[in-house]
Amino acid sequence: MAFLTKYGSFWGTLPVTTGRYFWVAPSNSYTVEGKAYESSDDNDGLSPERAVRTVNRAIALADANVGDVIILMPGSHSVSATVAITKAGLTFTGIPGNNQLENAHGPAGKRMKTQITSTATAGIIFTVSATDTEIAHIHFAPPAAGGRGISLAPLSGAANRAYVHDCTFHLIATASVTTYGITVPAGVTADLLEDVLVSRCYFLSGTAAASGANGPGVNVLGTAHGLTIEQSTFQLKGTAAWAAAILSSNAGTLGVMARDCDFITPTSATTVMTVGINTTGQTVDGSFQVLRCYFPVGSDGIASTATADAILAESYTAGTTGGVLLSNA
């Protein structure tokens, strides 16, 4: 078959790899180039017309650390239990949308062609407990209270070097402060997560229909070293305040950076992002660096245990008469 060439140079938009591509359908029946096919976990998943039905089956078929790519086909995927990513070196991707604009803060499209949610109460969609995992071009809709889009396990560095990019996270299924986009859960004292990159992602909290407060877009509860959040957008909608768009609260966390990120709220005096980045709990001087970030009217921008814990450069809060440069003074 033509492998979706009507979409353009389709294979050229997928990650270049020496591994295999595994295709996952969003439903039992699906359509490719106007032809209907049936997905099944008995399929080999190696081409679009032989897609498997579940992400878990694709993981079982893939090999670790050889460049295998798991493609979630366009449509709405749903899982009844968390997808446990336990094999190292796998890439998970939806179908890429528009070309990424140079220096854009967030993905090119705010709605991916591939969406995924969970039907489980307080469900986690993806739990990463394997190194060198890449996740891209997927729209995550965490379920009700306690839901997570992606959980990066800090246990013994299991999720080290994770790379999450060009994804969207809508924290709007239920108004709950325990719903997060990406989280590093708390582990035992000796455990830490290293060298994680979150790039060009979009986090949305609250709508008019679900106007209560949500939890952070990125919530670092465990110990992280070398976590970077870059070129991403955090947007608040609705009528309730957002306590913190990014929260990093572990005393052992070091070398965390947010750079070139935008924080946006509606034009309402009662709807505020209370704090853009809250590092209260980190206790090491310079352990969180904020570079070239922009915060909205009414936001404190940064909150920290002590002034020197968060280092600022070229970051501003908006104002009706112009921006105000943030500093450590």
Protein backbone atom coordinates (compact mmCIF):
# COMPACT_ATOMS: atom_id res chain seq x y z
CA MET A 1 0.00 0.00 0.00
CA ALA A 2 1.00 3.67 -0.29
CA PHE A 3 1.63 4.20 3.43
CA LEU A 4 -0.39 7.41 3.74
CA THR A 5 1.57 9.25 1.05
CA LYS A 6 -1.45 11.48 0.40
CA TYR A 7 -0.45 13.26 3.63
CA GLY A 8 2.83 14.22 2.01
CA SER A 9 6.22 12.65 2.64
CA PHE A 10 4.74 10.70 5.52
CA TRP A 11 7.71 8.53 6.32
CA GLY A 12 9.89 11.61 6.33
CA THR A 13 7.89 13.09 9.22
CA LEU A 14 8.46 10.08 11.49
CA PRO A 15 11.60 9.68 13.59
CA VAL A 16 14.55 8.40 11.58
CA THR A 17 15.53 5.06 13.08
CA THR A 18 17.33 1.83 12.41
CA GLY A 19 14.62 0.07 14.42
CA ARG A 20 11.07 -0.94 13.52
CA TYR A 21 7.80 1.00 13.43
CA PHE A 22 4.81 -0.43 15.32
CA TRP A 23 1.34 0.99 14.59
CA VAL A 24 -1.44 1.26 17.20
CA ALA A 25 -5.05 1.88 16.11
CA PRO A 26 -7.42 4.00 18.22
CA SER A 27 -10.36 1.60 17.79
CA ASN A 28 -11.27 -1.91 16.66
CA SER A 29 -12.11 -0.62 13.19
CA TYR A 30 -10.09 2.13 11.53
CA THR A 31 -9.56 3.62 8.09
CA VAL A 32 -6.37 4.13 6.09
CA GLU A 33 -6.52 5.73 2.63
CA GLY A 34 -10.28 5.17 2.47
CA LYS A 35 -10.04 1.45 3.24
CA ALA A 36 -11.39 -0.12 6.43
CA TYR A 37 -9.22 -2.39 8.55
CA GLU A 38 -9.59 -4.30 11.81
CA SER A 39 -7.02 -3.82 14.53
CA SER A 40 -6.00 -6.72 16.73
CA ASP A 41 -3.31 -7.55 19.25
CA ASP A 42 -2.83 -10.69 17.15
CA ASN A 43 -1.46 -8.49 14.34
CA ASP A 44 2.26 -7.83 14.05
CA GLY A 45 1.71 -4.03 14.00
CA LEU A 46 4.46 -3.51 11.43
CA SER A 47 2.41 -1.51 8.91
CA PRO A 48 -0.68 0.75 9.10
CA GLU A 49 -3.00 -1.92 7.70
CA ARG A 50 -1.88 -4.45 10.37
CA ALA A 51 -2.13 -2.22 13.43
CA VAL A 52 -2.29 -3.64 16.93
CA ARG A 53 -5.09 -2.54 19.22
CA THR A 54 -3.22 -1.48 22.36
CA VAL A 55 -0.08 0.43 23.22
CA ASN A 56 0.80 -2.28 25.75
CA ARG A 57 0.87 -4.88 22.95
CA ALA A 58 3.16 -2.67 20.87
CA ILE A 59 5.53 -2.39 23.83
CA ALA A 60 5.52 -6.17 24.21
CA LEU A 61 6.43 -6.60 20.52
CA ALA A 62 9.17 -3.93 20.52
CA ASP A 63 12.80 -4.47 21.45
CA ALA A 64 14.65 -2.28 23.92
CA ASN A 65 17.48 0.03 22.88
CA VAL A 66 17.41 -0.66 19.14
CA GLY A 67 15.45 2.41 18.01
CA ASP A 68 11.93 0.92 17.83
CA VAL A 69 9.15 3.50 17.36
CA ILE A 70 5.52 3.06 18.47
CA ILE A 71 3.08 5.19 16.45
CA LEU A 72 -0.34 6.05 17.84
CA MET A 73 -2.51 6.54 14.77
CA PRO A 74 -4.84 9.57 14.46
CA GLY A 75 -7.95 9.50 16.63
CA SER A 76 -8.95 9.15 20.27
CA HIS A 77 -7.12 6.41 22.13
CA SER A 78 -8.32 5.30 25.55
CA VAL A 79 -6.69 3.06 28.15
CA SER A 80 -8.35 1.35 31.11
CA ALA A 81 -5.11 1.10 33.08
CA THR A 82 -1.81 2.92 32.98
CA VAL A 83 0.54 2.15 30.11
CA ALA A 84 3.73 0.94 31.76
CA ILE A 85 6.77 1.87 29.68
CA THR A 86 9.32 -0.62 30.98
CA LYS A 87 11.58 -1.11 27.95
CA ALA A 88 14.41 1.36 27.46
CA GLY A 89 15.01 3.36 24.32
CA LEU A 90 11.49 3.34 22.86
CA THR A 91 9.92 6.32 21.04
CA PHE A 92 6.17 6.97 21.26
CA THR A 93 4.70 9.40 18.75
CA GLY A 94 1.41 10.54 17.34
CA ILE A 95 1.10 11.77 13.78
CA PRO A 96 2.94 15.11 13.55
CA GLY A 97 0.80 18.08 12.63
CA ASN A 98 2.02 21.43 11.31
CA ASN A 99 5.69 22.16 10.93
CA GLN A 100 7.18 23.59 14.10
CA LEU A 101 7.76 27.33 13.90
CA GLU A 102 11.26 28.39 14.74
CA ASN A 103 11.55 29.50 18.38
CA ALA A 104 7.83 28.90 19.04
CA HIS A 105 6.85 28.44 22.68
CA GLY A 106 4.77 25.28 22.47
CA PRO A 107 3.88 22.84 19.70
CA ALA A 108 2.91 24.08 16.26
CA GLY A 109 -0.71 22.96 16.82
CA LYS A 110 -2.52 23.15 20.14
CA ARG A 111 -4.54 20.08 19.27
CA MET A 112 -2.71 16.96 18.18
CA LYS A 113 -4.16 14.50 15.67
CA THR A 114 -3.60 11.75 18.24
CA GLN A 115 -5.31 12.03 21.63
CA ILE A 116 -5.18 9.68 24.59
CA THR A 117 -7.03 9.49 27.92
CA SER A 118 -7.76 6.95 30.63
CA THR A 119 -11.07 5.54 31.85
CA ALA A 120 -9.56 4.58 35.21
CA THR A 121 -10.40 6.65 38.27
CA ALA A 122 -7.37 8.79 39.09
CA GLY A 123 -5.65 7.09 36.17
CA ILE A 124 -2.10 7.71 35.01
CA ILE A 125 -1.91 7.48 31.23
CA PHE A 126 1.83 6.76 30.78
CA THR A 127 4.20 5.67 33.55
CA VAL A 128 7.82 5.78 32.40
CA SER A 129 10.18 3.48 34.28
CA ALA A 130 12.75 2.89 31.55
CA THR A 131 15.62 5.06 30.40
CA ASP A 132 15.88 7.00 27.12
CA THR A 133 12.12 7.18 26.47
CA GLU A 134 10.89 9.74 23.93
CA ILE A 135 7.23 10.88 23.78
CA ALA A 136 6.03 13.30 21.10
CA HIS A 137 3.03 14.67 19.17
CA ILE A 138 0.34 13.32 21.54
CA HIS A 139 -2.55 15.13 23.23
CA PHE A 140 -2.92 13.93 26.83
CA ALA A 141 -6.25 14.36 28.62
CA PRO A 142 -5.74 13.13 32.20
CA PRO A 143 -8.96 11.82 33.79
CA ALA A 144 -10.66 12.93 37.00
CA ALA A 145 -9.03 13.86 40.31
CA GLY A 146 -5.61 12.30 40.72
CA GLY A 147 -5.09 11.81 36.99
CA ARG A 148 -1.68 12.23 35.39
CA GLY A 149 -0.65 12.55 31.79
CA ILE A 150 2.90 11.24 32.19
CA SER A 151 4.57 9.99 35.38
CA LEU A 152 8.38 9.80 35.32
CA ALA A 153 9.50 7.30 37.95
CA PRO A 154 12.53 8.49 39.96
CA LEU A 155 13.12 5.02 41.42
CA SER A 156 16.80 4.18 40.93
CA GLY A 157 16.94 6.54 37.95
CA ALA A 158 14.50 4.37 36.00
CA ALA A 159 13.26 7.20 33.76
CA ASN A 160 16.56 9.01 33.27
CA ARG A 161 17.03 10.91 30.01
CA ALA A 162 13.32 11.02 29.19
CA TYR A 163 12.45 13.44 26.37
CA VAL A 164 8.88 14.77 26.15
CA HIS A 165 8.27 17.23 23.32
CA ASP A 166 5.56 18.70 21.12
CA CYS A 167 2.77 17.35 23.35
CA THR A 168 -0.36 19.00 24.76
CA PHE A 169 -1.83 18.44 28.22
CA HIS A 170 -5.42 19.45 29.03
CA LEU A 171 -6.04 19.33 32.79
CA ILE A 172 -9.75 19.97 32.46
CA ALA A 173 -11.61 16.66 32.88
CA THR A 174 -12.41 17.54 36.50
CA ALA A 175 -11.48 20.52 38.62
CA SER A 176 -8.89 18.99 40.94
CA VAL A 177 -5.59 20.16 42.39
CA THR A 178 -4.32 16.56 42.16
CA THR A 179 -4.51 16.44 38.34
CA TYR A 180 -1.09 16.99 36.73
CA GLY A 181 0.31 17.05 33.22
CA ILE A 182 3.79 15.64 33.90
CA THR A 183 4.88 14.52 37.35
CA VAL A 184 7.99 13.20 39.05
CA PRO A 185 6.45 11.32 42.00
CA ALA A 186 8.12 11.21 45.36
CA GLY A 187 10.52 8.28 45.86
CA VAL A 188 12.71 7.12 48.68
CA THR A 189 15.49 9.46 49.69
CA ALA A 190 18.24 7.84 47.61
CA ASP A 191 16.26 7.86 44.36
CA LEU A 192 16.56 10.64 41.81
CA LEU A 193 15.70 11.42 38.20
CA GLU A 194 18.41 12.81 35.92
CA ASP A 195 18.68 14.66 32.60
CA VAL A 196 15.01 15.00 31.61
CA LEU A 197 13.94 17.43 28.86
CA VAL A 198 10.39 18.78 28.41
CA SER A 199 10.31 20.85 25.22
CA ARG A 200 7.68 22.71 23.16
CA CYS A 201 4.69 21.49 25.16
CA TYR A 202 1.35 23.19 25.90
CA PHE A 203 -0.42 22.92 29.27
CA LEU A 204 -4.02 24.10 29.72
CA SER A 205 -5.75 24.42 33.11
CA GLY A 206 -9.45 25.11 33.60
CA THR A 207 -12.32 26.03 31.27
CA ALA A 208 -15.63 27.76 31.78
CA ALA A 209 -17.23 24.31 32.10
CA ALA A 210 -14.64 23.08 34.61
CA SER A 211 -13.66 26.24 36.36
CA GLY A 212 -12.14 24.82 39.53
CA ALA A 213 -8.44 24.81 40.21
CA ASN A 214 -6.10 22.20 38.75
CA GLY A 215 -2.72 20.93 39.82
CA PRO A 216 0.58 21.97 38.23
CA GLY A 217 1.31 21.34 34.58
CA VAL A 218 4.71 20.03 35.69
CA ASN A 219 4.91 18.76 39.27
CA VAL A 220 8.32 17.68 40.61
CA LEU A 221 7.79 15.91 43.94
CA GLY A 222 10.73 13.51 43.74
CA THR A 223 14.40 14.40 43.51
CA ALA A 224 15.45 15.63 40.05
CA HIS A 225 18.86 16.63 38.75
CA GLY A 226 19.19 18.36 35.40
CA LEU A 227 15.50 18.73 34.50
CA THR A 228 14.87 21.32 31.76
CA ILE A 229 11.47 22.78 30.73
CA GLU A 230 11.85 24.88 27.60
CA GLN A 231 9.85 26.69 24.91
CA SER A 232 6.54 25.66 26.50
CA THR A 233 3.27 27.50 27.17
CA PHE A 234 1.20 27.30 30.36
CA GLN A 235 -2.30 28.75 29.91
CA LEU A 236 -5.10 29.27 32.42
CA LYS A 237 -8.73 29.50 31.33
CA GLY A 238 -11.97 29.67 33.29
CA THR A 239 -12.79 31.44 36.52
CA ALA A 240 -10.61 29.81 39.19
CA ALA A 241 -7.02 30.68 40.08
CA TRP A 242 -4.16 28.32 39.24
CA ALA A 243 -1.94 27.97 42.30
CA ALA A 244 1.21 27.08 40.36
CA ALA A 245 1.86 26.15 36.74
CA ILE A 246 5.20 24.54 37.65
CA LEU A 247 5.92 23.14 41.12
CA SER A 248 9.29 21.80 42.28
CA SER A 249 9.29 21.06 45.98
CA ASN A 250 12.04 18.56 46.79
CA ALA A 251 14.98 19.76 48.87
CA GLY A 252 17.39 17.50 47.00
CA THR A 253 16.48 18.79 43.54
CA LEU A 254 19.33 20.52 41.70
CA GLY A 255 20.04 22.00 38.29
CA VAL A 256 16.43 22.54 37.21
CA MET A 257 15.80 25.11 34.49
CA ALA A 258 12.79 26.77 32.89
CA ARG A 259 13.77 28.76 29.82
CA ASP A 260 11.84 30.56 27.09
CA CYS A 261 8.42 29.69 28.54
CA ASP A 262 5.19 31.73 28.42
CA PHE A 263 2.60 31.84 31.20
CA ILE A 264 -0.85 33.13 30.16
CA THR A 265 -4.10 33.96 31.96
CA PRO A 266 -7.46 35.39 30.82
CA THR A 267 -7.98 39.12 31.03
CA SER A 268 -9.80 38.94 34.35
CA ALA A 269 -8.82 40.40 37.69
CA THR A 270 -10.34 37.40 39.50
CA THR A 271 -8.70 34.71 37.38
CA VAL A 272 -5.00 34.61 38.17
CA MET A 273 -2.05 32.29 38.01
CA THR A 274 -1.06 32.79 41.62
CA VAL A 275 2.53 31.67 41.02
CA GLY A 276 4.07 30.77 37.69
CA ILE A 277 6.93 28.70 39.14
CA ASN A 278 6.88 27.59 42.79
CA THR A 279 10.19 26.24 44.06
CA THR A 280 9.25 26.34 47.74
CA GLY A 281 10.86 23.24 49.22
CA GLN A 282 14.07 23.46 47.22
CA THR A 283 16.73 24.70 49.60
CA VAL A 284 19.97 24.90 47.62
CA ASP A 285 21.06 28.29 46.28
CA GLY A 286 20.68 28.45 42.51
CA SER A 287 18.97 25.07 42.29
CA PHE A 288 16.27 26.43 39.92
CA GLN A 289 17.15 28.79 37.07
CA VAL A 290 14.53 30.82 35.19
CA LEU A 291 15.71 32.29 31.89
CA ARG A 292 13.73 34.45 29.45
CA CYS A 293 10.28 33.55 30.83
CA TYR A 294 7.17 35.78 30.73
CA PHE A 295 4.52 35.81 33.48
CA PRO A 296 1.01 37.32 33.43
CA VAL A 297 -0.55 40.22 35.25
CA GLY A 298 -1.43 39.25 38.84
CA SER A 299 1.13 36.45 39.07
CA ASP A 300 4.00 36.43 41.51
CA GLY A 301 6.09 34.83 38.80
CA ILE A 302 8.39 32.98 41.20
CA ALA A 303 7.98 31.71 44.76
CA SER A 304 10.90 30.13 46.62
CA THR A 305 12.00 29.10 50.10
CA ALA A 306 14.74 31.74 50.00
CA THR A 307 15.52 34.44 47.45
CA ALA A 308 18.72 32.85 46.22
CA ASP A 309 17.19 29.41 45.55
CA ALA A 310 15.73 30.57 42.22
CA ILE A 311 18.09 32.42 39.88
CA LEU A 312 16.44 34.77 37.35
CA ALA A 313 17.66 36.29 34.09
CA GLU A 314 15.71 38.27 31.47
CA SER A 315 12.32 37.23 32.90
CA TYR A 316 9.35 39.58 33.17
CA THR A 317 5.88 39.91 34.63
CA ALA A 318 3.32 41.65 32.46
CA GLY A 319 1.63 44.89 33.43
CA THR A 320 -0.91 47.29 32.00
CA THR A 321 1.83 49.86 31.44
CA GLY A 322 4.65 47.50 30.50
CA GLY A 323 6.53 44.51 31.79
CA VAL A 324 8.48 44.41 35.04
CA LEU A 325 11.90 42.74 35.06
CA LEU A 326 12.18 40.09 37.74
CA SER A 327 15.33 39.90 39.81
CA ASN A 328 16.61 38.17 42.93
CA ALA A 329 16.76 41.40 44.86
